[in-house]
Amino acid sequence: KEKKLSRWLSRLSICLRSRHYSSGPLGARDDIRGARAFFTTPIFYVNAAPHIGHLYSALALCRHRRLRVPSAAATRFSTGTDEHGLKIQQAAAAAGLAPTELCDRVSAQFRQLFREAGISSTDFIRTTETRHRIAVQHFWGLLKARGLLYKGLYEGWYCASEECFLPEAKVTRQSDSSGDSCHVSLESGHPVSWTKEENYIFRLSQFREPLQRWLRGDPQTIYVWLDALVNYLTVIGYPNAEFKSWWPTTSHIIGKDILKFHAIYWPALLLGAGMSPPHRIYVHSHWTVCGQKMSKSLGNVVDPRTCLDRYTVDGFRYFLLRQGVPNWDCDYYDEKVVKLLDSELADALGGLLNRCTAKRINPSGTYPVFCTTCFPSEPGLVGPSVRAQAEDYALVNAVATLPRQVADHYDNFQIYKALEAVSSCVRQTNGFVQRHAPWRLNWESPVDAPWLGTVLHVALECLRVFGTLLQPVTPSLADKLLSRLGVSATERGLGELCFLPRFYGHPCPFEGRRLGPETGLLFPRLDQSRAWLVKAHRT
């Protein structure tokens, strides 16, 4: 059975849908306009304190939800903690605590981490709650009443750490610290033991054909047993009828280690209970530290709360979402964080803002007027007043299409590509400013002044787009940037984002408006000496 499942998984195609969008204001997504949407992270195991992988899962889904779903749509976002299992009992004993005390303590740590990171969920579920016990018992009873559960003996290699049986192909022999030979999981390195026990067994084979049809028919990118999986139903009111208004308009986000449970077992259990599988399952990779798996035994587990303090909440969120690539493991070390944040937030974005709002270049402290004769909408025009170059038109086109690119990447759960696209446009804008050097132009010159105002206008318009698109990722930084530009709270919506309207022959509401009174650095550079914990390995 395990080998069959492995073959099914190997055939599971990872196919992300992409759509082409025309130009214009970024509005609600066509596939979800007016619809309810339900988003879930996995529930996190409370045998140890949260690490950056947990934060990444919750953060990625929170950002995805905020950008993908219009604010008017009815949405729910669920996260929580899994509080059943042998590992929790063992961890509690090692800490000299009762299991319930450990669960309360670690679950509170997850809540605090998410609160400090600016992650707001509509539901936080604990599997020790009464509402969850009721939901699990009802779901179990439904499967049993349908004849889908039976008692039987099962034996095989059991991994206590992963709480599942492993096929022979996933087990290998290696020497432990004392030199003795032992069997371990090929993927995780955790010890396994041959176990034989009587269990209730779910008739999974009965759903082979429906599962294959589901996988073929909706091939999305797509742990851990029944009790934990039912949490997704508990938070929307199951078994009461209200849950039907939320299911199955659901998107799960999971780590790659629990794919089998969500892409095989969970849909089969749902089909067995007469319910539809979820709409989408997003899978992300793991975080390593200097190329090694995070492990308490190696002493390299990164505390996310420490990182939030050291790099700021916005800075660390930007790093995780910018570097978190779903297709392969992402590597962490402190020097890498410093280099990225200094380069992209402090220097490129912050430097651009400071240049364009500096009193020496923009003495009036206003949003300058765009001159259409200096920068005509049609490329290639010649004339004594035309100053725009081919690279400038490339910049305008890149920033004009940026909101659509960002929306597409978020829709496909490729957050890193969205931020990569923003970063690329920031670099282009810096190149535009550097190319035309407004600090060398004179406001008193009738020849220079129109072009100087146009250069600053274009740069400020680019900054307005960047700030608007960064709101779901770095809300405080984006607020500071947009306030500096004089953009009011009612002018920051994605649906109304329209770039450089004067270029397209429309009035610009920002022309002549005073910039905000805020001054100072948008994001201060991080001192290189602050790479406290982890250094990159160098050869």
Protein backbone atom coordinates (compact mmCIF):
# COMPACT_ATOMS: atom_id res chain seq x y z
CA LYS A 1 0.00 0.00 0.00
CA GLU A 2 2.80 2.41 0.90
CA LYS A 3 4.59 1.64 -2.37
CA LYS A 4 1.41 2.36 -4.33
CA LEU A 5 1.03 5.68 -2.52
CA SER A 6 4.64 6.55 -3.33
CA ARG A 7 3.97 5.84 -7.00
CA TRP A 8 0.85 8.00 -6.95
CA LEU A 9 2.76 10.84 -5.37
CA SER A 10 5.54 10.54 -7.91
CA ARG A 11 2.95 11.05 -10.64
CA LEU A 12 1.42 14.05 -8.91
CA SER A 13 2.02 16.93 -11.28
CA ILE A 14 2.86 20.33 -9.90
CA CYS A 15 1.11 22.71 -12.20
CA LEU A 16 0.45 26.31 -11.23
CA ARG A 17 -2.22 28.16 -13.14
CA SER A 18 -1.26 31.51 -14.58
CA ARG A 19 -3.52 34.04 -16.25
CA HIS A 20 -2.97 36.95 -18.58
CA TYR A 21 -4.30 40.29 -17.40
CA SER A 22 -4.94 43.42 -19.39
CA SER A 23 -3.80 46.81 -18.20
CA GLY A 24 -5.94 48.90 -15.87
CA PRO A 25 -6.64 49.19 -12.16
CA LEU A 26 -6.00 46.08 -10.14
CA GLY A 27 -9.41 44.87 -8.98
CA ALA A 28 -10.79 41.76 -7.36
CA ARG A 29 -9.69 38.42 -8.70
CA ASP A 30 -12.25 37.02 -11.13
CA ASP A 31 -12.20 33.55 -9.59
CA ILE A 32 -13.02 34.74 -6.08
CA ARG A 33 -15.00 37.94 -6.53
CA GLY A 34 -17.89 37.88 -4.07
CA ALA A 35 -17.05 34.36 -2.93
CA ARG A 36 -16.11 33.07 0.49
CA ALA A 37 -12.54 31.90 0.93
CA PHE A 38 -11.07 29.76 3.71
CA PHE A 39 -7.28 29.64 4.23
CA THR A 40 -5.42 27.31 6.60
CA THR A 41 -1.89 26.69 7.79
CA PRO A 42 -1.03 23.29 9.20
CA ILE A 43 -1.55 23.06 12.93
CA PHE A 44 1.86 23.18 14.56
CA TYR A 45 3.19 20.51 16.91
CA VAL A 46 3.84 21.74 20.46
CA ASN A 47 6.70 19.44 21.44
CA ALA A 48 9.12 22.36 20.98
CA ALA A 49 9.12 26.14 20.65
CA PRO A 50 8.29 27.66 17.24
CA HIS A 51 11.06 28.16 14.67
CA ILE A 52 11.37 30.19 11.48
CA GLY A 53 9.76 27.46 9.37
CA HIS A 54 6.54 27.80 11.37
CA LEU A 55 6.64 31.58 11.02
CA TYR A 56 7.21 31.30 7.27
CA SER A 57 4.14 29.07 6.78
CA ALA A 58 1.85 31.45 8.64
CA LEU A 59 3.39 34.56 7.15
CA ALA A 60 3.26 33.29 3.58
CA LEU A 61 -0.42 32.43 3.84
CA CYS A 62 -1.27 35.69 5.60
CA ARG A 63 0.39 37.76 2.86
CA HIS A 64 -1.14 35.59 0.13
CA ARG A 65 -4.60 35.98 1.63
CA ARG A 66 -4.33 39.76 1.96
CA LEU A 67 -3.16 40.33 -1.60
CA ARG A 68 -5.23 37.67 -3.33
CA VAL A 69 -8.60 38.32 -1.73
CA PRO A 70 -10.40 41.67 -1.93
CA SER A 71 -11.17 43.16 1.46
CA ALA A 72 -14.89 42.97 0.79
CA ALA A 73 -14.86 39.18 0.36
CA ALA A 74 -15.82 36.98 3.32
CA THR A 75 -12.61 35.24 4.35
CA ARG A 76 -11.37 33.08 7.21
CA PHE A 77 -7.76 32.32 8.10
CA SER A 78 -7.13 29.42 10.48
CA THR A 79 -3.98 28.35 12.29
CA GLY A 80 -3.33 26.59 15.60
CA THR A 81 -1.53 23.84 17.49
CA ASP A 82 -1.60 20.03 17.41
CA GLU A 83 -1.52 18.83 21.03
CA HIS A 84 -1.81 15.03 20.79
CA GLY A 85 0.97 12.48 20.36
CA LEU A 86 3.79 10.53 21.93
CA LYS A 87 6.35 13.24 21.16
CA ILE A 88 4.48 15.72 23.34
CA GLN A 89 4.36 13.24 26.22
CA GLN A 90 8.10 12.63 25.87
CA ALA A 91 8.93 16.35 25.63
CA ALA A 92 6.81 17.12 28.69
CA ALA A 93 8.53 14.38 30.71
CA ALA A 94 11.95 15.69 29.66
CA ALA A 95 10.96 19.20 30.77
CA GLY A 96 9.47 17.98 34.06
CA LEU A 97 6.01 19.22 33.09
CA ALA A 98 2.57 17.70 32.75
CA PRO A 99 1.59 17.32 29.06
CA THR A 100 -1.24 19.85 29.44
CA GLU A 101 1.17 22.37 30.98
CA LEU A 102 3.61 21.97 28.09
CA CYS A 103 0.78 22.33 25.57
CA ASP A 104 -0.47 25.52 27.22
CA ARG A 105 3.02 26.99 27.33
CA VAL A 106 4.08 26.25 23.75
CA SER A 107 0.69 27.05 22.23
CA ALA A 108 0.92 30.48 23.90
CA GLN A 109 4.37 30.92 22.34
CA PHE A 110 2.89 30.38 18.88
CA ARG A 111 0.15 32.92 19.57
CA GLN A 112 2.68 35.46 20.81
CA LEU A 113 5.00 34.93 17.85
CA PHE A 114 2.21 35.43 15.33
CA ARG A 115 0.96 38.50 17.18
CA GLU A 116 4.44 40.07 17.23
CA ALA A 117 4.93 39.28 13.54
CA GLY A 118 1.70 41.04 12.61
CA ILE A 119 -0.10 37.84 11.57
CA SER A 120 -3.81 38.09 12.24
CA SER A 121 -5.92 34.93 11.96
CA THR A 122 -9.66 34.66 12.37
CA ASP A 123 -9.34 31.27 14.12
CA PHE A 124 -6.68 29.69 16.36
CA ILE A 125 -7.52 26.04 16.98
CA ARG A 126 -6.08 23.76 19.69
CA THR A 127 -6.77 20.07 19.24
CA THR A 128 -7.41 19.73 22.99
CA GLU A 129 -10.49 21.97 22.73
CA THR A 130 -13.95 20.50 23.31
CA ARG A 131 -15.22 21.76 19.95
CA HIS A 132 -12.50 19.78 18.21
CA ARG A 133 -13.23 16.58 20.17
CA ILE A 134 -16.87 16.84 19.10
CA ALA A 135 -15.90 17.35 15.45
CA VAL A 136 -13.45 14.42 15.44
CA GLN A 137 -15.93 12.05 17.08
CA HIS A 138 -18.59 13.01 14.56
CA PHE A 139 -16.26 12.59 11.58
CA TRP A 140 -15.00 9.22 12.93
CA GLY A 141 -18.56 8.03 13.49
CA LEU A 142 -19.48 8.99 9.94
CA LEU A 143 -16.64 6.93 8.47
CA LYS A 144 -17.46 3.99 10.73
CA ALA A 145 -21.16 4.10 9.86
CA ARG A 146 -20.22 3.93 6.17
CA GLY A 147 -18.15 0.79 6.76
CA LEU A 148 -14.87 2.49 5.93
CA LEU A 149 -13.07 1.58 9.17
CA TYR A 150 -12.07 -1.92 10.26
CA LYS A 151 -9.72 -3.44 12.81
CA GLY A 152 -6.59 -5.16 11.60
CA LEU A 153 -2.95 -5.91 12.35
CA TYR A 154 -0.32 -3.70 10.77
CA GLU A 155 3.43 -4.06 11.02
CA GLY A 156 6.36 -2.20 9.60
CA TRP A 157 9.04 0.35 10.31
CA TYR A 158 7.59 3.00 12.65
CA CYS A 159 9.16 6.42 13.21
CA ALA A 160 8.08 7.89 16.56
CA SER A 161 9.38 11.34 15.61
CA GLU A 162 7.32 11.45 12.43
CA GLU A 163 4.49 9.39 13.94
CA CYS A 164 4.01 7.25 10.86
CA PHE A 165 5.04 3.95 9.28
CA LEU A 166 7.70 4.07 6.58
CA PRO A 167 8.11 1.76 3.58
CA GLU A 168 11.29 -0.33 3.32
CA ALA A 169 12.61 1.99 0.63
CA LYS A 170 12.53 4.92 3.06
CA VAL A 171 14.62 3.15 5.75
CA THR A 172 18.38 2.67 5.93
CA ARG A 173 20.98 1.43 8.41
CA GLN A 174 23.61 3.64 9.99
CA SER A 175 25.81 3.77 13.07
CA ASP A 176 24.69 5.77 16.08
CA SER A 177 26.93 7.85 18.37
CA SER A 178 28.06 4.73 20.24
CA GLY A 179 28.99 2.93 17.04
CA ASP A 180 26.03 0.53 17.12
CA SER A 181 24.09 -0.09 13.94
CA CYS A 182 20.47 1.05 13.85
CA HIS A 183 17.67 1.68 11.38
CA VAL A 184 16.76 5.29 10.59
CA SER A 185 14.47 7.22 8.28
CA LEU A 186 16.24 7.91 5.01
CA GLU A 187 14.74 11.40 4.77
CA SER A 188 14.87 12.71 8.35
CA GLY A 189 17.57 10.54 9.98
CA HIS A 190 15.26 9.80 12.92
CA PRO A 191 15.44 6.26 14.40
CA VAL A 192 12.77 3.74 13.43
CA SER A 193 11.72 0.43 14.99
CA TRP A 194 9.85 -2.60 13.66
CA THR A 195 6.37 -2.34 15.14
CA LYS A 196 3.35 -4.63 15.02
CA GLU A 197 0.04 -3.44 16.44
CA GLU A 198 -3.71 -3.68 16.11
CA ASN A 199 -5.28 -0.54 14.70
CA TYR A 200 -8.36 0.78 13.03
CA ILE A 201 -7.59 0.85 9.31
CA PHE A 202 -9.22 3.11 6.75
CA ARG A 203 -10.26 1.50 3.46
CA LEU A 204 -8.09 3.80 1.37
CA SER A 205 -8.01 1.45 -1.63
CA GLN A 206 -11.74 2.04 -2.10
CA PHE A 207 -10.95 5.62 -3.15
CA ARG A 208 -8.15 4.94 -5.60
CA GLU A 209 -10.12 5.94 -8.69
CA PRO A 210 -11.80 9.06 -7.18
CA LEU A 211 -8.40 10.18 -5.87
CA GLN A 212 -6.75 9.73 -9.23
CA ARG A 213 -9.55 11.69 -10.91
CA TRP A 214 -9.17 14.49 -8.34
CA LEU A 215 -5.41 14.66 -8.83
CA ARG A 216 -5.66 14.65 -12.61
CA GLY A 217 -8.55 17.09 -12.75
CA ASP A 218 -7.11 19.77 -10.47
CA PRO A 219 -3.31 19.42 -10.51
CA GLN A 220 -2.34 22.18 -8.10
CA THR A 221 0.94 22.64 -6.33
CA ILE A 222 0.05 21.01 -4.06
CA TYR A 223 -0.12 15.18 7.96
CA VAL A 224 -1.16 13.68 10.54
CA TRP A 225 -3.77 11.48 10.99
CA LEU A 226 -7.49 11.88 11.24
CA ASP A 227 -7.68 13.86 14.50
CA ALA A 228 -5.24 16.53 13.35
CA LEU A 229 -6.70 16.87 9.85
CA VAL A 230 -10.23 17.39 11.10
CA ASN A 231 -9.10 20.69 12.67
CA TYR A 232 -9.76 22.29 9.29
CA LEU A 233 -13.43 21.41 9.73
CA THR A 234 -13.62 22.23 13.43
CA VAL A 235 -12.79 25.91 12.95
CA ILE A 236 -15.66 26.42 10.49
CA GLY A 237 -18.27 24.89 12.79
CA TYR A 238 -18.32 21.20 11.85
CA PRO A 239 -20.45 19.17 12.43
CA ASN A 240 -23.02 21.98 12.47
CA ALA A 241 -24.51 22.98 9.14
CA GLU A 242 -22.71 26.35 9.09
CA PHE A 243 -19.48 24.68 7.95
CA LYS A 244 -21.00 23.99 4.53
CA SER A 245 -20.87 27.68 3.65
CA TRP A 246 -17.06 27.59 3.95
CA TRP A 247 -16.16 24.15 2.66
CA PRO A 248 -14.60 23.34 0.23
CA THR A 249 -13.62 26.91 -0.77
CA THR A 250 -10.36 26.20 0.98
CA SER A 251 -6.63 26.72 0.48
CA HIS A 252 -4.22 24.77 2.66
CA ILE A 253 -0.56 25.67 3.04
CA ILE A 254 1.73 22.88 4.21
CA GLY A 255 5.38 21.87 4.42
CA LYS A 256 6.67 19.29 1.97
CA ASP A 257 7.07 16.66 4.73
CA ILE A 258 3.30 16.37 5.18
CA LEU A 259 2.27 16.26 1.52
CA LYS A 260 1.18 12.60 1.57
CA PHE A 261 -1.22 13.16 4.44
CA HIS A 262 -2.85 16.16 2.78
CA ALA A 263 -2.81 15.07 -0.87
CA ILE A 264 -3.77 11.39 -0.35
CA TYR A 265 -5.21 10.61 3.07
CA TRP A 266 -7.13 13.84 3.67
CA PRO A 267 -9.04 13.93 0.36
CA ALA A 268 -9.76 10.19 0.70
CA LEU A 269 -11.16 10.72 4.21
CA LEU A 270 -13.27 13.61 2.95
CA LEU A 271 -14.61 11.56 0.06
CA GLY A 272 -15.35 8.76 2.52
CA ALA A 273 -17.41 11.19 4.59
CA GLY A 274 -19.28 12.37 1.50
CA MET A 275 -17.46 15.69 1.26
CA SER A 276 -15.43 17.39 -1.47
CA PRO A 277 -11.63 17.75 -1.29
CA PRO A 278 -10.21 21.26 -0.74
CA HIS A 279 -9.76 23.55 -3.72
CA ARG A 280 -6.04 24.10 -3.36
CA ILE A 281 -3.08 22.72 -1.44
CA TYR A 282 0.12 24.76 -1.53
CA VAL A 283 3.39 23.07 -0.61
CA HIS A 284 6.53 24.87 0.50
CA SER A 285 10.06 23.69 1.19
CA HIS A 286 11.97 23.67 4.47
CA TRP A 287 14.42 26.13 6.00
CA THR A 288 17.99 25.00 6.63
CA VAL A 289 20.78 26.76 8.52
CA CYS A 290 24.07 27.02 6.64
CA GLY A 291 22.99 24.05 4.55
CA GLN A 292 22.06 21.87 7.55
CA LYS A 293 18.64 20.85 8.79
CA MET A 294 17.60 22.74 11.91
CA SER A 295 18.01 20.45 14.92
CA LYS A 296 18.07 20.89 18.69
CA SER A 297 20.91 18.35 18.85
CA LEU A 298 22.99 20.52 16.51
CA GLY A 299 22.08 23.65 18.44
CA ASN A 300 21.23 25.55 15.26
CA VAL A 301 17.50 26.18 15.69
CA VAL A 302 16.82 29.82 14.84
CA ASP A 303 14.50 31.63 17.25
CA PRO A 304 12.13 33.74 15.11
CA ARG A 305 11.32 36.15 17.95
CA THR A 306 15.01 37.00 18.28
CA CYS A 307 15.13 37.67 14.55
CA LEU A 308 12.08 39.95 14.73
CA ASP A 309 13.85 41.97 17.42
CA ARG A 310 17.17 42.17 15.58
CA TYR A 311 16.02 42.83 12.05
CA THR A 312 12.68 44.54 12.82
CA VAL A 313 9.34 42.90 12.14
CA ASP A 314 9.09 44.29 8.62
CA GLY A 315 12.70 43.47 7.82
CA PHE A 316 12.47 39.81 8.86
CA ARG A 317 9.13 39.31 7.17
CA TYR A 318 10.59 40.70 3.97
CA PHE A 319 13.59 38.38 4.23
CA LEU A 320 11.49 35.23 4.77
CA LEU A 321 9.08 35.97 1.95
CA ARG A 322 11.80 37.20 -0.42
CA GLN A 323 14.01 34.14 0.15
CA GLY A 324 11.32 31.49 0.69
CA VAL A 325 11.21 29.50 -2.55
CA PRO A 326 8.55 26.74 -2.56
CA ASN A 327 10.47 24.44 -4.91
CA TRP A 328 13.64 23.87 -2.89
CA ASP A 329 14.96 24.26 0.66
CA CYS A 330 15.85 27.79 1.70
CA ASP A 331 19.06 28.47 3.59
CA TYR A 332 19.37 30.86 6.53
CA TYR A 333 22.30 32.64 8.11
CA ASP A 334 22.44 36.06 9.70
CA GLU A 335 24.92 37.57 7.24
CA LYS A 336 22.49 36.73 4.45
CA VAL A 337 19.70 38.65 6.19
CA VAL A 338 21.91 41.69 6.71
CA LYS A 339 23.10 41.72 3.10
CA LEU A 340 19.60 41.43 1.63
CA LEU A 341 17.95 44.03 3.86
CA ASP A 342 20.80 46.51 3.49
CA SER A 343 20.81 46.10 -0.28
CA GLU A 344 17.11 46.08 -1.11
CA LEU A 345 15.36 48.01 1.68
CA ALA A 346 17.99 50.39 3.06
CA ASP A 347 20.02 51.23 -0.05
CA ALA A 348 17.83 50.66 -3.12
CA LEU A 349 14.36 51.56 -1.83
CA GLY A 350 15.30 53.87 1.04
CA GLY A 351 18.02 55.59 -0.96
CA LEU A 352 15.64 56.22 -3.85
CA LEU A 353 13.07 57.81 -1.53
CA ASN A 354 15.66 60.02 0.14
CA ARG A 355 17.03 61.19 -3.20
CA CYS A 356 13.65 62.21 -4.56
CA THR A 357 12.39 63.96 -1.44
CA ALA A 358 15.64 65.67 -0.41
CA LYS A 359 15.28 69.42 0.02
CA ARG A 360 18.25 70.08 -2.24
CA ILE A 361 16.56 68.37 -5.21
CA ASN A 362 12.94 69.01 -4.30
CA PRO A 363 13.07 72.34 -2.40
CA SER A 364 9.31 72.95 -2.63
CA GLY A 365 8.56 69.62 -0.95
CA THR A 366 5.80 68.84 -3.44
CA TYR A 367 4.79 66.23 -6.02
CA PRO A 368 6.17 67.92 -9.18
CA VAL A 369 4.26 68.34 -12.42
CA PHE A 370 4.73 65.81 -15.24
CA CYS A 371 5.62 67.43 -18.56
CA THR A 372 4.13 65.54 -21.52
CA THR A 373 6.32 67.35 -24.04
CA CYS A 374 9.47 66.18 -22.24
CA PHE A 375 8.12 62.64 -21.88
CA PRO A 376 5.51 62.05 -24.64
CA SER A 377 3.43 58.88 -24.45
CA GLU A 378 4.59 57.82 -27.89
CA PRO A 379 8.20 56.57 -27.97
CA GLY A 380 10.48 57.72 -30.75
CA LEU A 381 9.17 61.27 -31.08
CA VAL A 382 11.84 63.88 -31.59
CA GLY A 383 11.84 67.54 -30.73
CA PRO A 384 13.72 70.17 -28.77
CA SER A 385 11.75 69.45 -25.58
CA VAL A 386 11.79 65.63 -25.73
CA ARG A 387 14.18 64.26 -23.11
CA ALA A 388 12.88 60.70 -22.54
CA GLN A 389 15.04 57.82 -23.74
CA ALA A 390 14.21 54.25 -24.73
CA GLU A 391 15.23 52.96 -21.29
CA ASP A 392 12.74 55.36 -19.71
CA TYR A 393 9.85 53.89 -21.68
CA ALA A 394 11.01 50.42 -20.61
CA LEU A 395 10.81 51.57 -16.99
CA VAL A 396 7.29 52.95 -17.40
CA ASN A 397 6.14 49.72 -19.02
CA ALA A 398 7.76 47.60 -16.29
CA VAL A 399 6.16 49.53 -13.43
CA ALA A 400 2.79 49.81 -15.21
CA THR A 401 2.59 46.02 -15.50
CA LEU A 402 4.07 45.36 -12.04
CA PRO A 403 0.75 45.20 -10.12
CA ARG A 404 -0.50 42.52 -12.52
CA GLN A 405 2.71 40.54 -12.18
CA VAL A 406 2.52 40.74 -8.40
CA ALA A 407 -1.12 39.62 -8.42
CA ASP A 408 -0.29 36.68 -10.70
CA HIS A 409 2.64 35.57 -8.56
CA TYR A 410 0.56 35.78 -5.39
CA ASP A 411 -2.26 33.88 -7.05
CA ASN A 412 0.24 31.12 -7.84
CA PHE A 413 1.74 31.33 -4.33
CA GLN A 414 5.09 32.49 -5.66
CA ILE A 415 5.58 35.33 -3.20
CA TYR A 416 9.33 35.43 -3.76
CA LYS A 417 8.76 36.14 -7.44
CA ALA A 418 6.42 39.00 -6.59
CA LEU A 419 9.07 40.61 -4.38
CA GLU A 420 11.74 39.85 -6.95
CA ALA A 421 9.70 41.75 -9.53
CA VAL A 422 9.30 44.72 -7.17
CA SER A 423 13.03 44.71 -6.41
CA SER A 424 13.85 44.63 -10.12
CA CYS A 425 11.68 47.69 -10.76
CA VAL A 426 13.28 49.50 -7.81
CA ARG A 427 16.66 48.93 -9.45
CA GLN A 428 15.34 50.19 -12.78
CA THR A 429 13.99 53.33 -11.12
CA ASN A 430 17.32 53.99 -9.45
CA GLY A 431 18.93 53.62 -12.85
CA PHE A 432 16.47 56.14 -14.29
CA VAL A 433 17.30 58.70 -11.59
CA GLN A 434 21.03 58.07 -11.91
CA ARG A 435 20.84 58.38 -15.69
CA HIS A 436 19.16 61.80 -15.61
CA ALA A 437 20.91 63.10 -12.47
CA PRO A 438 18.30 65.60 -11.22
CA TRP A 439 20.88 67.03 -8.81
CA ARG A 440 22.65 68.47 -11.85
CA LEU A 441 19.52 70.20 -13.15
CA ASN A 442 18.44 73.71 -12.20
CA TRP A 443 14.91 74.63 -11.12
CA GLU A 444 15.60 78.21 -12.23
CA SER A 445 16.34 77.16 -15.81
CA PRO A 446 13.32 77.19 -18.16
CA VAL A 447 14.97 74.35 -20.06
CA ASP A 448 15.82 72.18 -17.05
CA ALA A 449 12.81 72.79 -14.81
CA PRO A 450 10.12 70.88 -16.79
CA TRP A 451 12.38 67.86 -17.18
CA LEU A 452 13.57 68.01 -13.56
CA GLY A 453 9.95 67.97 -12.39
CA THR A 454 9.16 65.11 -14.76
CA VAL A 455 12.07 62.99 -13.54
CA LEU A 456 11.01 63.45 -9.92
CA HIS A 457 7.34 62.87 -10.79
CA VAL A 458 8.11 59.55 -12.49
CA ALA A 459 10.34 58.43 -9.62
CA LEU A 460 7.72 59.36 -7.00
CA GLU A 461 5.03 57.56 -8.99
CA CYS A 462 7.23 54.44 -9.05
CA LEU A 463 7.75 54.74 -5.30
CA ARG A 464 3.99 55.04 -4.80
CA VAL A 465 3.45 51.77 -6.66
CA PHE A 466 6.21 50.03 -4.68
CA GLY A 467 4.81 51.25 -1.37
CA THR A 468 1.30 50.13 -2.26
CA LEU A 469 2.41 46.66 -3.34
CA LEU A 470 4.62 46.19 -0.27
CA GLN A 471 1.79 46.88 2.20
CA PRO A 472 0.90 43.19 2.74
CA VAL A 473 4.57 42.29 3.26
CA THR A 474 6.07 45.24 5.14
CA PRO A 475 3.09 47.25 6.41
CA SER A 476 4.99 49.66 8.68
CA LEU A 477 7.68 50.42 6.11
CA ALA A 478 5.07 50.85 3.36
CA ASP A 479 3.04 53.17 5.57
CA LYS A 480 6.12 55.29 6.23
CA LEU A 481 6.94 55.45 2.52
CA LEU A 482 3.42 56.36 1.40
CA SER A 483 3.05 58.94 4.17
CA ARG A 484 6.31 60.50 3.02
CA LEU A 485 4.75 60.87 -0.44
CA GLY A 486 1.59 62.43 0.97
CA VAL A 487 -0.62 59.49 -0.06
CA SER A 488 -3.67 59.36 2.20
CA ALA A 489 -5.09 56.18 3.75
CA THR A 490 -7.97 56.15 1.26
CA GLU A 491 -5.57 56.25 -1.71
CA ARG A 492 -3.60 53.10 -0.87
CA GLY A 493 -5.91 50.36 -2.13
CA LEU A 494 -4.74 47.88 -4.75
CA GLY A 495 -8.02 48.19 -6.60
CA GLU A 496 -7.47 51.89 -7.29
CA LEU A 497 -3.75 51.69 -8.05
CA CYS A 498 -3.17 53.58 -11.29
CA PHE A 499 0.40 54.39 -12.28
CA LEU A 500 1.53 57.61 -13.99
CA PRO A 501 -1.91 58.76 -15.23
CA ARG A 502 -0.50 61.93 -16.86
CA PHE A 503 1.57 59.76 -19.20
CA TYR A 504 -1.69 58.18 -20.41
CA GLY A 505 -3.53 61.50 -20.75
CA HIS A 506 -5.40 61.46 -17.44
CA PRO A 507 -5.20 63.93 -14.54
CA CYS A 508 -2.96 63.07 -11.62
CA PRO A 509 -4.44 63.81 -8.17
CA PHE A 510 -0.97 64.04 -6.63
CA GLU A 511 0.51 66.81 -8.81
CA GLY A 512 1.31 69.87 -6.74
CA ARG A 513 0.43 68.15 -3.48
CA ARG A 514 2.77 68.68 -0.56
CA LEU A 515 4.81 65.69 0.47
CA GLY A 516 4.46 64.36 3.99
CA PRO A 517 6.42 65.94 6.84
CA GLU A 518 8.20 62.70 7.72
CA THR A 519 11.96 62.68 7.26
CA GLY A 520 14.79 60.34 8.10
CA LEU A 521 15.80 56.91 6.86
CA LEU A 522 13.14 54.57 5.54
CA PHE A 523 15.09 51.51 6.72
CA PRO A 524 18.42 52.06 8.50
CA ARG A 525 21.30 49.91 7.34
CA LEU A 526 22.11 47.00 9.62
CA ASP A 527 25.57 47.03 11.12
CA GLN A 528 27.53 44.08 9.74
CA SER A 529 28.76 43.35 13.25
CA ARG A 530 25.18 42.48 14.16
CA ALA A 531 25.36 39.07 12.45
CA TRP A 532 25.29 37.60 15.95
CA LEU A 533 24.40 33.97 15.76
CA VAL A 534 25.10 32.30 12.46
CA LYS A 535 27.96 32.90 10.06
CA ALA A 536 28.03 31.56 6.54
CA HIS A 537 30.45 28.70 6.03
CA ARG A 538 33.25 29.77 3.71
CA THR A 539 35.70 27.53 1.96
